[in-house]
Amino acid sequence: IDVSSDPDDSQGFTLLQASHREVAILHLAAGH
């Protein structure tokens, strides 16, 4: 993931915030 430009996504999250959210979701799926 390239967070250098850090634009907002369609839900208003910055790219860095959206990346942190994605990592949290992947942790919930741990063990799959």
PDB file of all heavy atoms in Angstrom:
ATOM      1  N   ILE A   1       0.839  -1.191   0.000  1.00  0.00           N
ATOM      2  CA  ILE A   1       0.000   0.000   0.000  1.00  0.00           C
ATOM      3  C   ILE A   1       0.878   1.246   0.000  1.00  0.00           C
ATOM      4  O   ILE A   1       1.774   1.385   0.832  1.00  0.00           O
ATOM      5  CB  ILE A   1      -0.922   0.026   1.237  1.00  0.00           C
ATOM      6  CG1 ILE A   1      -1.765  -1.246   1.285  1.00  0.00           C
ATOM      7  CG2 ILE A   1      -1.794   1.264   1.242  1.00  0.00           C
ATOM      8  CD1 ILE A   1      -2.509  -1.442   2.575  1.00  0.00           C
ATOM      9  N   ASP A   2       0.603   2.163  -0.918  1.00  0.00           N
ATOM     10  CA  ASP A   2       1.309   3.437  -0.990  1.00  0.00           C
ATOM     11  C   ASP A   2       0.479   4.483  -0.253  1.00  0.00           C
ATOM     12  O   ASP A   2      -0.553   4.924  -0.747  1.00  0.00           O
ATOM     13  CB  ASP A   2       1.513   3.845  -2.444  1.00  0.00           C
ATOM     14  CG  ASP A   2       2.197   5.194  -2.585  1.00  0.00           C
ATOM     15  OD1 ASP A   2       2.722   5.710  -1.577  1.00  0.00           O
ATOM     16  OD2 ASP A   2       2.212   5.722  -3.708  1.00  0.00           O
ATOM     17  N   VAL A   3       0.922   4.865   0.950  1.00  0.00           N
ATOM     18  CA  VAL A   3       0.186   5.857   1.734  1.00  0.00           C
ATOM     19  C   VAL A   3       0.809   7.247   1.604  1.00  0.00           C
ATOM     20  O   VAL A   3       0.424   8.168   2.327  1.00  0.00           O
ATOM     21  CB  VAL A   3       0.078   5.455   3.225  1.00  0.00           C
ATOM     22  CG1 VAL A   3      -0.743   4.208   3.387  1.00  0.00           C
ATOM     23  CG2 VAL A   3       1.441   5.314   3.852  1.00  0.00           C
ATOM     24  N   SER A   4       1.738   7.411   0.679  1.00  0.00           N
ATOM     25  CA  SER A   4       2.436   8.690   0.574  1.00  0.00           C
ATOM     26  C   SER A   4       1.524   9.834   0.156  1.00  0.00           C
ATOM     27  O   SER A   4       1.688  10.963   0.597  1.00  0.00           O
ATOM     28  CB  SER A   4       3.616   8.580  -0.387  1.00  0.00           C
ATOM     29  OG  SER A   4       3.168   8.223  -1.675  1.00  0.00           O
ATOM     30  N   SER A   5       0.537   9.561  -0.702  1.00  0.00           N
ATOM     31  CA  SER A   5      -0.362  10.634  -1.134  1.00  0.00           C
ATOM     32  C   SER A   5      -1.509  10.826  -0.144  1.00  0.00           C
ATOM     33  O   SER A   5      -2.034  11.923  -0.010  1.00  0.00           O
ATOM     34  CB  SER A   5      -0.911  10.339  -2.529  1.00  0.00           C
ATOM     35  OG  SER A   5      -1.598   9.112  -2.524  1.00  0.00           O
ATOM     36  N   ASP A   6      -1.917   9.754   0.551  1.00  0.00           N
ATOM     37  CA  ASP A   6      -2.926   9.767   1.615  1.00  0.00           C
ATOM     38  C   ASP A   6      -4.218  10.511   1.268  1.00  0.00           C
ATOM     39  O   ASP A   6      -4.665  11.366   2.016  1.00  0.00           O
ATOM     40  CB  ASP A   6      -2.316  10.324   2.896  1.00  0.00           C
ATOM     41  CG  ASP A   6      -3.028   9.800   4.143  1.00  0.00           C
ATOM     42  OD1 ASP A   6      -3.697   8.755   4.047  1.00  0.00           O
ATOM     43  OD2 ASP A   6      -2.913  10.442   5.189  1.00  0.00           O
ATOM     44  N   PRO A   7      -4.863  10.193   0.136  1.00  0.00           N
ATOM     45  CA  PRO A   7      -6.141  10.832  -0.190  1.00  0.00           C
ATOM     46  C   PRO A   7      -7.284  10.236   0.634  1.00  0.00           C
ATOM     47  O   PRO A   7      -7.139   9.161   1.220  1.00  0.00           O
ATOM     48  CB  PRO A   7      -6.339  10.493  -1.665  1.00  0.00           C
ATOM     49  CG  PRO A   7      -5.642   9.175  -1.813  1.00  0.00           C
ATOM     50  CD  PRO A   7      -4.460   9.237  -0.870  1.00  0.00           C
ATOM     51  N   ASP A   8      -8.423  10.899   0.683  1.00  0.00           N
ATOM     52  CA  ASP A   8      -9.614  10.360   1.343  1.00  0.00           C
ATOM     53  C   ASP A   8     -10.271   9.338   0.446  1.00  0.00           C
ATOM     54  O   ASP A   8     -10.266   9.469  -0.775  1.00  0.00           O
ATOM     55  CB  ASP A   8     -10.625  11.468   1.641  1.00  0.00           C
ATOM     56  CG  ASP A   8     -10.148  12.420   2.732  1.00  0.00           C
ATOM     57  OD1 ASP A   8      -9.139  12.106   3.378  1.00  0.00           O
ATOM     58  OD2 ASP A   8     -10.784  13.456   2.913  1.00  0.00           O
ATOM     59  N   ASP A   9     -10.858   8.280   1.048  1.00  0.00           N
ATOM     60  CA  ASP A   9     -11.603   7.308   0.250  1.00  0.00           C
ATOM     61  C   ASP A   9     -13.073   7.720   0.181  1.00  0.00           C
ATOM     62  O   ASP A   9     -13.462   8.786   0.658  1.00  0.00           O
ATOM     63  CB  ASP A   9     -11.427   5.886   0.794  1.00  0.00           C
ATOM     64  CG  ASP A   9     -12.114   5.630   2.130  1.00  0.00           C
ATOM     65  OD1 ASP A   9     -12.797   6.535   2.639  1.00  0.00           O
ATOM     66  OD2 ASP A   9     -11.973   4.518   2.649  1.00  0.00           O
ATOM     67  N   SER A  10     -13.909   6.870  -0.389  1.00  0.00           N
ATOM     68  CA  SER A  10     -15.319   7.211  -0.594  1.00  0.00           C
ATOM     69  C   SER A  10     -16.090   7.379   0.708  1.00  0.00           C
ATOM     70  O   SER A  10     -17.148   7.986   0.725  1.00  0.00           O
ATOM     71  CB  SER A  10     -15.988   6.144  -1.464  1.00  0.00           C
ATOM     72  OG  SER A  10     -15.952   4.894  -0.801  1.00  0.00           O
ATOM     73  N   GLN A  11     -15.571   6.851   1.817  1.00  0.00           N
ATOM     74  CA  GLN A  11     -16.251   6.964   3.110  1.00  0.00           C
ATOM     75  C   GLN A  11     -15.652   8.081   3.968  1.00  0.00           C
ATOM     76  O   GLN A  11     -16.000   8.223   5.131  1.00  0.00           O
ATOM     77  CB  GLN A  11     -16.191   5.639   3.853  1.00  0.00           C
ATOM     78  CG  GLN A  11     -16.931   4.531   3.127  1.00  0.00           C
ATOM     79  CD  GLN A  11     -16.809   3.204   3.847  1.00  0.00           C
ATOM     80  OE1 GLN A  11     -15.949   3.014   4.707  1.00  0.00           O
ATOM     81  NE2 GLN A  11     -17.661   2.271   3.495  1.00  0.00           N
ATOM     82  N   GLY A  12     -14.725   8.855   3.405  1.00  0.00           N
ATOM     83  CA  GLY A  12     -14.136   9.963   4.136  1.00  0.00           C
ATOM     84  C   GLY A  12     -12.927   9.609   4.973  1.00  0.00           C
ATOM     85  O   GLY A  12     -12.398  10.451   5.680  1.00  0.00           O
ATOM     86  N   PHE A  13     -12.472   8.357   4.908  1.00  0.00           N
ATOM     87  CA  PHE A  13     -11.275   7.960   5.640  1.00  0.00           C
ATOM     88  C   PHE A  13     -10.043   8.310   4.819  1.00  0.00           C
ATOM     89  O   PHE A  13     -10.055   8.216   3.597  1.00  0.00           O
ATOM     90  CB  PHE A  13     -11.260   6.437   5.888  1.00  0.00           C
ATOM     91  CG  PHE A  13     -12.293   5.962   6.852  1.00  0.00           C
ATOM     92  CD1 PHE A  13     -13.465   5.386   6.398  1.00  0.00           C
ATOM     93  CD2 PHE A  13     -12.089   6.076   8.214  1.00  0.00           C
ATOM     94  CE1 PHE A  13     -14.422   4.936   7.280  1.00  0.00           C
ATOM     95  CE2 PHE A  13     -13.049   5.622   9.112  1.00  0.00           C
ATOM     96  CZ  PHE A  13     -14.216   5.052   8.639  1.00  0.00           C
ATOM     97  N   THR A  14      -8.966   8.692   5.489  1.00  0.00           N
ATOM     98  CA  THR A  14      -7.712   8.847   4.768  1.00  0.00           C
ATOM     99  C   THR A  14      -7.208   7.448   4.426  1.00  0.00           C
ATOM    100  O   THR A  14      -7.648   6.452   5.021  1.00  0.00           O
ATOM    101  CB  THR A  14      -6.648   9.581   5.607  1.00  0.00           C
ATOM    102  OG1 THR A  14      -6.298   8.765   6.725  1.00  0.00           O
ATOM    103  CG2 THR A  14      -7.122  10.949   6.062  1.00  0.00           C
ATOM    104  N   LEU A  15      -6.298   7.365   3.506  1.00  0.00           N
ATOM    105  CA  LEU A  15      -5.764   6.069   3.101  1.00  0.00           C
ATOM    106  C   LEU A  15      -5.100   5.366   4.277  1.00  0.00           C
ATOM    107  O   LEU A  15      -5.256   4.157   4.459  1.00  0.00           O
ATOM    108  CB  LEU A  15      -4.774   6.258   1.949  1.00  0.00           C
ATOM    109  CG  LEU A  15      -4.204   5.007   1.338  1.00  0.00           C
ATOM    110  CD1 LEU A  15      -5.315   4.082   0.850  1.00  0.00           C
ATOM    111  CD2 LEU A  15      -3.295   5.370   0.186  1.00  0.00           C
ATOM    112  N   LEU A  16      -4.404   6.114   5.100  1.00  0.00           N
ATOM    113  CA  LEU A  16      -3.762   5.520   6.269  1.00  0.00           C
ATOM    114  C   LEU A  16      -4.803   4.964   7.239  1.00  0.00           C
ATOM    115  O   LEU A  16      -4.663   3.843   7.739  1.00  0.00           O
ATOM    116  CB  LEU A  16      -2.874   6.553   6.967  1.00  0.00           C
ATOM    117  CG  LEU A  16      -2.035   6.038   8.129  1.00  0.00           C
ATOM    118  CD1 LEU A  16      -1.120   4.903   7.680  1.00  0.00           C
ATOM    119  CD2 LEU A  16      -1.219   7.164   8.728  1.00  0.00           C
ATOM    120  N   GLN A  17      -5.885   5.702   7.491  1.00  0.00           N
ATOM    121  CA  GLN A  17      -6.956   5.217   8.371  1.00  0.00           C
ATOM    122  C   GLN A  17      -7.614   3.973   7.780  1.00  0.00           C
ATOM    123  O   GLN A  17      -7.899   3.006   8.505  1.00  0.00           O
ATOM    124  CB  GLN A  17      -8.010   6.305   8.578  1.00  0.00           C
ATOM    125  CG  GLN A  17      -7.559   7.471   9.416  1.00  0.00           C
ATOM    126  CD  GLN A  17      -8.565   8.612   9.382  1.00  0.00           C
ATOM    127  OE1 GLN A  17      -9.189   8.876   8.356  1.00  0.00           O
ATOM    128  NE2 GLN A  17      -8.713   9.295  10.500  1.00  0.00           N
ATOM    129  N   ALA A  18      -7.875   3.995   6.487  1.00  0.00           N
ATOM    130  CA  ALA A  18      -8.503   2.847   5.831  1.00  0.00           C
ATOM    131  C   ALA A  18      -7.588   1.626   5.900  1.00  0.00           C
ATOM    132  O   ALA A  18      -8.054   0.500   6.085  1.00  0.00           O
ATOM    133  CB  ALA A  18      -8.837   3.180   4.385  1.00  0.00           C
ATOM    134  N   SER A  19      -6.274   1.838   5.793  1.00  0.00           N
ATOM    135  CA  SER A  19      -5.323   0.730   5.882  1.00  0.00           C
ATOM    136  C   SER A  19      -5.314   0.136   7.280  1.00  0.00           C
ATOM    137  O   SER A  19      -5.290  -1.083   7.439  1.00  0.00           O
ATOM    138  CB  SER A  19      -3.922   1.216   5.506  1.00  0.00           C
ATOM    139  OG  SER A  19      -3.905   1.671   4.179  1.00  0.00           O
ATOM    140  N   HIS A  20      -5.357   0.994   8.297  1.00  0.00           N
ATOM    141  CA  HIS A  20      -5.419   0.498   9.676  1.00  0.00           C
ATOM    142  C   HIS A  20      -6.698  -0.303   9.904  1.00  0.00           C
ATOM    143  O   HIS A  20      -6.688  -1.335  10.575  1.00  0.00           O
ATOM    144  CB  HIS A  20      -5.336   1.653  10.674  1.00  0.00           C
ATOM    145  CG  HIS A  20      -3.951   2.184  10.857  1.00  0.00           C
ATOM    146  ND1 HIS A  20      -2.966   1.501  11.511  1.00  0.00           N
ATOM    147  CD2 HIS A  20      -3.398   3.342  10.445  1.00  0.00           C
ATOM    148  CE1 HIS A  20      -1.863   2.202  11.507  1.00  0.00           C
ATOM    149  NE2 HIS A  20      -2.090   3.339  10.862  1.00  0.00           N
ATOM    150  N   ARG A  21      -7.803   0.169   9.337  1.00  0.00           N
ATOM    151  CA  ARG A  21      -9.084  -0.538   9.469  1.00  0.00           C
ATOM    152  C   ARG A  21      -9.002  -1.905   8.776  1.00  0.00           C
ATOM    153  O   ARG A  21      -9.472  -2.916   9.316  1.00  0.00           O
ATOM    154  CB  ARG A  21     -10.203   0.309   8.847  1.00  0.00           C
ATOM    155  CG  ARG A  21     -11.577  -0.275   9.058  1.00  0.00           C
ATOM    156  CD  ARG A  21     -12.623   0.619   8.467  1.00  0.00           C
ATOM    157  NE  ARG A  21     -12.407   0.684   7.015  1.00  0.00           N
ATOM    158  CZ  ARG A  21     -13.076   1.447   6.188  1.00  0.00           C
ATOM    159  NH1 ARG A  21     -13.999   2.252   6.630  1.00  0.00           N
ATOM    160  NH2 ARG A  21     -12.833   1.425   4.905  1.00  0.00           N
ATOM    161  N   GLU A  22      -8.378  -1.959   7.608  1.00  0.00           N
ATOM    162  CA  GLU A  22      -8.240  -3.227   6.888  1.00  0.00           C
ATOM    163  C   GLU A  22      -7.394  -4.217   7.681  1.00  0.00           C
ATOM    164  O   GLU A  22      -7.716  -5.403   7.763  1.00  0.00           O
ATOM    165  CB  GLU A  22      -7.613  -2.985   5.518  1.00  0.00           C
ATOM    166  CG  GLU A  22      -7.505  -4.229   4.691  1.00  0.00           C
ATOM    167  CD  GLU A  22      -6.992  -3.972   3.283  1.00  0.00           C
ATOM    168  OE1 GLU A  22      -6.856  -2.800   2.885  1.00  0.00           O
ATOM    169  OE2 GLU A  22      -6.740  -4.962   2.585  1.00  0.00           O
ATOM    170  N   VAL A  23      -6.313  -3.749   8.289  1.00  0.00           N
ATOM    171  CA  VAL A  23      -5.470  -4.618   9.110  1.00  0.00           C
ATOM    172  C   VAL A  23      -6.258  -5.161  10.296  1.00  0.00           C
ATOM    173  O   VAL A  23      -6.169  -6.350  10.624  1.00  0.00           O
ATOM    174  CB  VAL A  23      -4.206  -3.864   9.582  1.00  0.00           C
ATOM    175  CG1 VAL A  23      -3.460  -4.652  10.649  1.00  0.00           C
ATOM    176  CG2 VAL A  23      -3.294  -3.571   8.401  1.00  0.00           C
ATOM    177  N   ALA A  24      -7.072  -4.315  10.934  1.00  0.00           N
ATOM    178  CA  ALA A  24      -7.898  -4.770  12.060  1.00  0.00           C
ATOM    179  C   ALA A  24      -8.869  -5.854  11.626  1.00  0.00           C
ATOM    180  O   ALA A  24      -9.069  -6.849  12.334  1.00  0.00           O
ATOM    181  CB  ALA A  24      -8.654  -3.584  12.665  1.00  0.00           C
ATOM    182  N   ILE A  25      -9.456  -5.697  10.448  1.00  0.00           N
ATOM    183  CA  ILE A  25     -10.384  -6.714   9.928  1.00  0.00           C
ATOM    184  C   ILE A  25      -9.649  -8.015   9.644  1.00  0.00           C
ATOM    185  O   ILE A  25     -10.142  -9.107   9.955  1.00  0.00           O
ATOM    186  CB  ILE A  25     -11.097  -6.192   8.666  1.00  0.00           C
ATOM    187  CG1 ILE A  25     -12.060  -5.053   9.043  1.00  0.00           C
ATOM    188  CG2 ILE A  25     -11.837  -7.310   7.939  1.00  0.00           C
ATOM    189  CD1 ILE A  25     -12.595  -4.272   7.865  1.00  0.00           C
ATOM    190  N   LEU A  26      -8.452  -7.930   9.083  1.00  0.00           N
ATOM    191  CA  LEU A  26      -7.669  -9.137   8.809  1.00  0.00           C
ATOM    192  C   LEU A  26      -7.292  -9.856  10.109  1.00  0.00           C
ATOM    193  O   LEU A  26      -7.251 -11.084  10.149  1.00  0.00           O
ATOM    194  CB  LEU A  26      -6.425  -8.801   7.995  1.00  0.00           C
ATOM    195  CG  LEU A  26      -6.699  -8.436   6.535  1.00  0.00           C
ATOM    196  CD1 LEU A  26      -5.433  -7.922   5.869  1.00  0.00           C
ATOM    197  CD2 LEU A  26      -7.260  -9.630   5.777  1.00  0.00           C
ATOM    198  N   HIS A  27      -7.048  -9.106  11.166  1.00  0.00           N
ATOM    199  CA  HIS A  27      -6.759  -9.739  12.466  1.00  0.00           C
ATOM    200  C   HIS A  27      -7.982 -10.507  12.965  1.00  0.00           C
ATOM    201  O   HIS A  27      -7.845 -11.558  13.582  1.00  0.00           O
ATOM    202  CB  HIS A  27      -6.313  -8.708  13.498  1.00  0.00           C
ATOM    203  CG  HIS A  27      -4.872  -8.336  13.374  1.00  0.00           C
ATOM    204  ND1 HIS A  27      -3.838  -9.181  13.678  1.00  0.00           N
ATOM    205  CD2 HIS A  27      -4.292  -7.192  12.946  1.00  0.00           C
ATOM    206  CE1 HIS A  27      -2.695  -8.596  13.465  1.00  0.00           C
ATOM    207  NE2 HIS A  27      -2.939  -7.375  13.007  1.00  0.00           N
ATOM    208  N   LEU A  28      -9.173  -9.995  12.694  1.00  0.00           N
ATOM    209  CA  LEU A  28     -10.395 -10.709  13.079  1.00  0.00           C
ATOM    210  C   LEU A  28     -10.529 -12.029  12.320  1.00  0.00           C
ATOM    211  O   LEU A  28     -11.132 -12.977  12.817  1.00  0.00           O
ATOM    212  CB  LEU A  28     -11.629  -9.839  12.817  1.00  0.00           C
ATOM    213  CG  LEU A  28     -11.791  -8.606  13.706  1.00  0.00           C
ATOM    214  CD1 LEU A  28     -12.968  -7.767  13.223  1.00  0.00           C
ATOM    215  CD2 LEU A  28     -11.985  -9.022  15.156  1.00  0.00           C
ATOM    216  N   ALA A  29      -9.969 -12.079  11.116  1.00  0.00           N
ATOM    217  CA  ALA A  29     -10.053 -13.284  10.288  1.00  0.00           C
ATOM    218  C   ALA A  29      -8.880 -14.235  10.543  1.00  0.00           C
ATOM    219  O   ALA A  29      -8.758 -15.257   9.865  1.00  0.00           O
ATOM    220  CB  ALA A  29     -10.092 -12.899   8.813  1.00  0.00           C
ATOM    221  N   ALA A  30      -8.031 -13.903  11.500  1.00  0.00           N
ATOM    222  CA  ALA A  30      -6.872 -14.745  11.804  1.00  0.00           C
ATOM    223  C   ALA A  30      -7.324 -16.170  12.110  1.00  0.00           C
ATOM    224  O   ALA A  30      -8.344 -16.389  12.752  1.00  0.00           O
ATOM    225  CB  ALA A  30      -6.102 -14.173  12.990  1.00  0.00           C
ATOM    226  N   GLY A  31      -6.578 -17.113  11.617  1.00  0.00           N
ATOM    227  CA  GLY A  31      -6.915 -18.512  11.820  1.00  0.00           C
ATOM    228  C   GLY A  31      -7.620 -19.124  10.615  1.00  0.00           C
ATOM    229  O   GLY A  31      -7.706 -20.343  10.496  1.00  0.00           O
ATOM    230  N   HIS A  32      -8.124 -18.286   9.728  1.00  0.00           N
ATOM    231  CA  HIS A  32      -8.745 -18.798   8.503  1.00  0.00           C
ATOM    232  C   HIS A  32      -7.636 -19.355   7.613  1.00  0.00           C
ATOM    233  O   HIS A  32      -6.547 -18.786   7.530  1.00  0.00           O
ATOM    234  CB  HIS A  32      -9.489 -17.669   7.786  1.00  0.00           C
ATOM    235  CG  HIS A  32     -10.322 -18.147   6.637  1.00  0.00           C
ATOM    236  ND1 HIS A  32      -9.785 -18.436   5.404  1.00  0.00           N
ATOM    237  CD2 HIS A  32     -11.654 -18.405   6.538  1.00  0.00           C
ATOM    238  CE1 HIS A  32     -10.748 -18.826   4.602  1.00  0.00           C
ATOM    239  NE2 HIS A  32     -11.890 -18.829   5.267  1.00  0.00           N
TER     240      HIS A  32
END
